[in-house]
């Protein structure tokens, strides 16, 4: 009788844990989608800046320095999972690609 009661209690806790886990997975999925959207917006902004700077005859090395400064000065929470150094390198790469594509 005790074993049955314990089994039922474990079953209830397992269902609660499963429900909580599903909610956390949905929350994580939302965060991932939002982060990807923000990174796409950032990439578009970096590309626009690089194109404008190129049209103003700013040398690429100055554009790189500008992009690095902007990322460092942002000093915000880093949406990139690998941290600020990885975000910095991505921003510079996006900028260089857009600069030379212009």
N, C-alpha and C. Protein backbone atom coordinates (compact mmCIF):
# COMPACT_ATOMS: atom_id res chain seq x y z
N UNK A 1 0.82 -1.19 0.00
CA UNK A 1 0.00 0.00 0.00
C UNK A 1 0.87 1.27 0.00
N UNK A 2 1.92 1.27 0.80
CA UNK A 2 2.83 2.41 0.86
C UNK A 2 3.52 2.58 -0.48
N UNK A 3 3.92 1.49 -1.09
CA UNK A 3 4.60 1.55 -2.38
C UNK A 3 3.70 2.16 -3.45
N UNK A 4 2.42 1.81 -3.41
CA UNK A 4 1.48 2.36 -4.38
C UNK A 4 1.33 3.87 -4.19
N UNK A 5 1.22 4.30 -2.96
CA UNK A 5 1.10 5.73 -2.66
C UNK A 5 2.35 6.47 -3.09
N UNK A 6 3.50 5.89 -2.83
CA UNK A 6 4.75 6.52 -3.25
C UNK A 6 4.84 6.59 -4.76
N UNK A 7 4.41 5.55 -5.42
CA UNK A 7 4.43 5.51 -6.88
C UNK A 7 3.53 6.60 -7.45
N UNK A 8 2.35 6.76 -6.87
CA UNK A 8 1.43 7.80 -7.34
C UNK A 8 2.04 9.20 -7.13
N UNK A 9 2.66 9.40 -5.98
CA UNK A 9 3.29 10.69 -5.69
C UNK A 9 4.41 10.97 -6.68
N UNK A 10 5.20 9.96 -6.98
CA UNK A 10 6.29 10.12 -7.96
C UNK A 10 5.71 10.42 -9.34
N UNK A 11 4.62 9.78 -9.67
CA UNK A 11 3.99 10.00 -10.97
C UNK A 11 3.49 11.44 -11.09
N UNK A 12 2.89 11.96 -10.03
CA UNK A 12 2.42 13.35 -10.03
C UNK A 12 3.59 14.30 -10.19
N UNK A 13 4.67 14.07 -9.43
CA UNK A 13 5.85 14.93 -9.53
C UNK A 13 6.48 14.85 -10.92
N UNK A 14 6.47 13.66 -11.50
CA UNK A 14 7.04 13.49 -12.84
C UNK A 14 6.24 14.29 -13.87
N UNK A 15 4.91 14.26 -13.77
CA UNK A 15 4.07 15.04 -14.70
C UNK A 15 4.31 16.54 -14.51
N UNK A 16 4.44 16.99 -13.27
CA UNK A 16 4.71 18.40 -13.00
C UNK A 16 6.07 18.80 -13.58
N UNK A 17 7.06 17.94 -13.36
CA UNK A 17 8.40 18.21 -13.88
C UNK A 17 8.39 18.25 -15.40
N UNK A 18 7.67 17.35 -16.01
CA UNK A 18 7.57 17.32 -17.47
C UNK A 18 6.91 18.59 -17.99
N UNK A 19 5.85 19.01 -17.33
CA UNK A 19 5.16 20.24 -17.74
C UNK A 19 6.09 21.45 -17.62
N UNK A 20 6.82 21.53 -16.52
CA UNK A 20 7.77 22.63 -16.33
C UNK A 20 8.86 22.57 -17.38
N UNK A 21 9.33 21.38 -17.68
CA UNK A 21 10.38 21.22 -18.70
C UNK A 21 9.89 21.68 -20.06
N UNK A 22 8.68 21.33 -20.42
CA UNK A 22 8.12 21.77 -21.70
C UNK A 22 8.03 23.29 -21.76
N UNK A 23 7.61 23.90 -20.67
CA UNK A 23 7.52 25.37 -20.64
C UNK A 23 8.90 26.00 -20.80
N UNK A 24 9.90 25.43 -20.17
CA UNK A 24 11.26 25.96 -20.30
C UNK A 24 11.82 25.77 -21.70
N UNK A 25 11.49 24.67 -22.32
CA UNK A 25 11.93 24.45 -23.70
C UNK A 25 11.29 25.48 -24.62
N UNK A 26 9.99 25.74 -24.44
CA UNK A 26 9.33 26.77 -25.26
C UNK A 26 9.96 28.14 -25.03
N UNK A 27 10.28 28.44 -23.78
CA UNK A 27 10.92 29.72 -23.47
C UNK A 27 12.30 29.80 -24.14
N UNK A 28 13.07 28.73 -24.07
CA UNK A 28 14.39 28.70 -24.69
C UNK A 28 14.27 28.86 -26.21
N UNK A 29 13.29 28.21 -26.81
CA UNK A 29 13.09 28.33 -28.25
C UNK A 29 12.77 29.78 -28.62
N UNK A 30 11.94 30.42 -27.82
CA UNK A 30 11.60 31.83 -28.06
C UNK A 30 12.85 32.71 -27.97
N UNK A 31 13.68 32.47 -26.97
CA UNK A 31 14.91 33.25 -26.79
C UNK A 31 15.84 33.04 -27.98
N UNK A 32 15.95 31.83 -28.46
CA UNK A 32 16.81 31.53 -29.61
C UNK A 32 16.31 32.27 -30.85
N UNK A 33 15.01 32.20 -31.11
CA UNK A 33 14.44 32.88 -32.27
C UNK A 33 14.66 34.39 -32.17
N UNK A 34 14.43 34.95 -30.99
CA UNK A 34 14.62 36.39 -30.80
C UNK A 34 16.09 36.78 -30.97
N UNK A 35 16.99 35.97 -30.45
CA UNK A 35 18.43 36.25 -30.59
C UNK A 35 18.84 36.22 -32.05
N UNK A 36 18.38 35.25 -32.79
CA UNK A 36 18.70 35.17 -34.22
C UNK A 36 18.15 36.38 -34.98
N UNK A 37 16.95 36.82 -34.60
CA UNK A 37 16.36 38.00 -35.23
C UNK A 37 17.20 39.25 -34.94
N UNK A 38 17.64 39.38 -33.70
CA UNK A 38 18.46 40.53 -33.33
C UNK A 38 19.82 40.49 -34.03
N UNK A 39 20.40 39.32 -34.13
CA UNK A 39 21.68 39.21 -34.84
C UNK A 39 21.52 39.57 -36.31
N UNK A 40 20.40 39.18 -36.90
CA UNK A 40 20.15 39.54 -38.30
C UNK A 40 20.01 41.06 -38.45
N UNK A 41 19.31 41.68 -37.52
CA UNK A 41 19.19 43.14 -37.56
C UNK A 41 20.56 43.81 -37.38
N UNK A 42 21.36 43.26 -36.49
CA UNK A 42 22.70 43.81 -36.28
C UNK A 42 23.53 43.66 -37.54
N UNK A 43 23.48 42.50 -38.18
CA UNK A 43 24.23 42.28 -39.42
C UNK A 43 23.80 43.27 -40.50
N UNK A 44 22.49 43.51 -40.60
CA UNK A 44 22.00 44.47 -41.58
C UNK A 44 22.50 45.88 -41.28
N UNK A 45 22.51 46.25 -40.01
CA UNK A 45 22.99 47.59 -39.62
C UNK A 45 24.48 47.74 -39.89
N UNK A 46 25.24 46.69 -39.59
CA UNK A 46 26.68 46.72 -39.84
C UNK A 46 26.94 46.85 -41.34
N UNK A 47 26.19 46.12 -42.14
CA UNK A 47 26.36 46.18 -43.59
C UNK A 47 26.03 47.58 -44.11
N UNK A 48 24.97 48.16 -43.59
CA UNK A 48 24.60 49.51 -44.02
C UNK A 48 25.69 50.51 -43.66
N UNK A 49 26.22 50.40 -42.46
CA UNK A 49 27.29 51.29 -42.03
C UNK A 49 28.52 51.13 -42.92
N UNK A 50 28.89 49.89 -43.21
CA UNK A 50 30.07 49.64 -44.05
C UNK A 50 29.88 50.21 -45.45
N UNK A 51 28.68 50.07 -45.99
CA UNK A 51 28.44 50.61 -47.34
C UNK A 51 28.53 52.13 -47.34
N UNK A 52 27.97 52.76 -46.32
CA UNK A 52 28.03 54.23 -46.24
C UNK A 52 29.47 54.68 -46.09
N UNK A 53 30.22 54.02 -45.24
CA UNK A 53 31.61 54.42 -45.04
C UNK A 53 32.42 54.24 -46.32
N UNK A 54 32.15 53.16 -47.04
CA UNK A 54 32.88 52.98 -48.31
C UNK A 54 32.50 54.06 -49.30
N UNK A 55 31.22 54.40 -49.36
CA UNK A 55 30.80 55.45 -50.29
C UNK A 55 31.40 56.81 -49.92
N UNK A 56 31.78 56.96 -48.66
CA UNK A 56 32.44 58.18 -48.19
C UNK A 56 33.96 58.07 -48.28
N UNK A 57 34.45 57.03 -48.94
CA UNK A 57 35.88 56.79 -49.17
C UNK A 57 36.67 56.60 -47.88
N UNK A 58 36.01 56.06 -46.84
CA UNK A 58 36.72 55.74 -45.61
C UNK A 58 37.47 54.43 -45.85
N UNK A 59 38.76 54.37 -45.53
CA UNK A 59 39.53 53.15 -45.76
C UNK A 59 39.00 51.99 -44.90
N UNK A 60 39.14 50.76 -45.40
CA UNK A 60 38.58 49.61 -44.68
C UNK A 60 39.14 49.45 -43.27
N UNK A 61 40.42 49.77 -43.08
CA UNK A 61 40.98 49.60 -41.73
C UNK A 61 40.33 50.55 -40.73
N UNK A 62 39.90 51.73 -41.18
CA UNK A 62 39.20 52.66 -40.30
C UNK A 62 37.79 52.16 -40.00
N UNK A 63 37.17 51.53 -40.97
CA UNK A 63 35.84 50.95 -40.76
C UNK A 63 35.93 49.83 -39.73
N UNK A 64 36.97 49.03 -39.83
CA UNK A 64 37.16 47.94 -38.86
C UNK A 64 37.32 48.51 -37.45
N UNK A 65 38.14 49.53 -37.31
CA UNK A 65 38.35 50.15 -36.00
C UNK A 65 37.03 50.72 -35.48
N UNK A 66 36.27 51.37 -36.35
CA UNK A 66 34.97 51.92 -35.96
C UNK A 66 34.03 50.83 -35.47
N UNK A 67 33.96 49.73 -36.20
CA UNK A 67 33.09 48.62 -35.80
C UNK A 67 33.54 48.03 -34.46
N UNK A 68 34.83 47.86 -34.30
CA UNK A 68 35.34 47.33 -33.03
C UNK A 68 34.96 48.25 -31.87
N UNK A 69 35.13 49.55 -32.08
CA UNK A 69 34.80 50.52 -31.03
C UNK A 69 33.31 50.48 -30.69
N UNK A 70 32.47 50.37 -31.72
CA UNK A 70 31.03 50.32 -31.48
C UNK A 70 30.63 49.11 -30.65
N UNK A 71 31.22 47.97 -30.97
CA UNK A 71 30.88 46.75 -30.21
C UNK A 71 31.38 46.87 -28.77
N UNK A 72 32.60 47.34 -28.60
CA UNK A 72 33.17 47.47 -27.26
C UNK A 72 32.39 48.48 -26.44
N UNK A 73 32.03 49.61 -27.05
CA UNK A 73 31.30 50.65 -26.33
C UNK A 73 29.86 50.26 -26.01
N UNK A 74 29.32 49.34 -26.77
CA UNK A 74 27.95 48.90 -26.51
C UNK A 74 27.84 48.34 -25.09
N UNK A 75 28.87 47.62 -24.67
CA UNK A 75 28.95 47.11 -23.31
C UNK A 75 27.61 46.59 -22.80
N UNK A 76 26.93 45.88 -23.65
CA UNK A 76 25.62 45.34 -23.30
C UNK A 76 25.74 43.85 -23.07
N UNK A 77 24.63 43.24 -22.75
CA UNK A 77 24.63 41.78 -22.66
C UNK A 77 24.86 41.26 -24.07
N UNK A 78 25.71 40.27 -24.18
CA UNK A 78 26.09 39.76 -25.49
C UNK A 78 25.12 38.68 -25.92
N UNK A 79 24.38 38.90 -27.03
CA UNK A 79 23.44 37.88 -27.48
C UNK A 79 24.12 36.69 -28.12
N UNK A 80 25.38 36.83 -28.46
CA UNK A 80 26.07 35.73 -29.13
C UNK A 80 26.50 34.71 -28.08
N UNK A 81 26.18 33.43 -28.31
CA UNK A 81 26.48 32.41 -27.30
C UNK A 81 27.96 32.27 -26.95
N UNK A 82 28.84 32.63 -27.85
CA UNK A 82 30.27 32.47 -27.57
C UNK A 82 30.87 33.69 -26.88
N UNK A 83 30.06 34.71 -26.63
CA UNK A 83 30.55 35.86 -25.88
C UNK A 83 30.98 37.02 -26.75
N UNK A 84 31.45 38.09 -26.10
CA UNK A 84 31.75 39.33 -26.83
C UNK A 84 32.86 39.22 -27.86
N UNK A 85 33.88 38.42 -27.59
CA UNK A 85 34.98 38.34 -28.57
C UNK A 85 34.50 37.71 -29.87
N UNK A 86 33.62 36.74 -29.76
CA UNK A 86 33.08 36.11 -30.96
C UNK A 86 32.14 37.06 -31.69
N UNK A 87 31.35 37.82 -30.94
CA UNK A 87 30.47 38.80 -31.56
C UNK A 87 31.30 39.86 -32.25
N UNK A 88 32.35 40.29 -31.62
CA UNK A 88 33.24 41.30 -32.21
C UNK A 88 33.80 40.80 -33.53
N UNK A 89 34.28 39.58 -33.55
CA UNK A 89 34.86 39.05 -34.80
C UNK A 89 33.78 38.89 -35.87
N UNK A 90 32.56 38.53 -35.48
CA UNK A 90 31.47 38.42 -36.46
C UNK A 90 31.12 39.78 -37.03
N UNK A 91 31.03 40.79 -36.17
CA UNK A 91 30.69 42.14 -36.63
C UNK A 91 31.75 42.64 -37.61
N UNK A 92 33.00 42.42 -37.28
CA UNK A 92 34.08 42.85 -38.18
C UNK A 92 33.98 42.09 -39.51
N UNK A 93 33.73 40.81 -39.45
CA UNK A 93 33.61 40.01 -40.68
C UNK A 93 32.44 40.52 -41.52
N UNK A 94 31.29 40.76 -40.88
CA UNK A 94 30.13 41.29 -41.62
C UNK A 94 30.47 42.62 -42.28
N UNK A 95 31.16 43.46 -41.53
CA UNK A 95 31.52 44.78 -42.04
C UNK A 95 32.46 44.69 -43.23
N UNK A 96 33.45 43.84 -43.14
CA UNK A 96 34.42 43.67 -44.24
C UNK A 96 33.72 43.12 -45.47
N UNK A 97 32.87 42.12 -45.27
CA UNK A 97 32.15 41.54 -46.40
C UNK A 97 31.27 42.59 -47.08
N UNK A 98 30.57 43.38 -46.30
CA UNK A 98 29.68 44.40 -46.87
C UNK A 98 30.49 45.51 -47.52
N UNK A 99 31.60 45.87 -46.91
CA UNK A 99 32.44 46.94 -47.47
C UNK A 99 32.91 46.57 -48.87
N UNK A 100 33.39 45.34 -49.02
CA UNK A 100 33.91 44.93 -50.33
C UNK A 100 32.82 44.51 -51.31
N UNK A 101 31.64 44.25 -50.79
CA UNK A 101 30.53 43.91 -51.69
C UNK A 101 29.90 45.17 -52.27
N UNK A 102 30.16 46.31 -51.64
CA UNK A 102 29.52 47.58 -52.09
C UNK A 102 30.09 48.04 -53.41
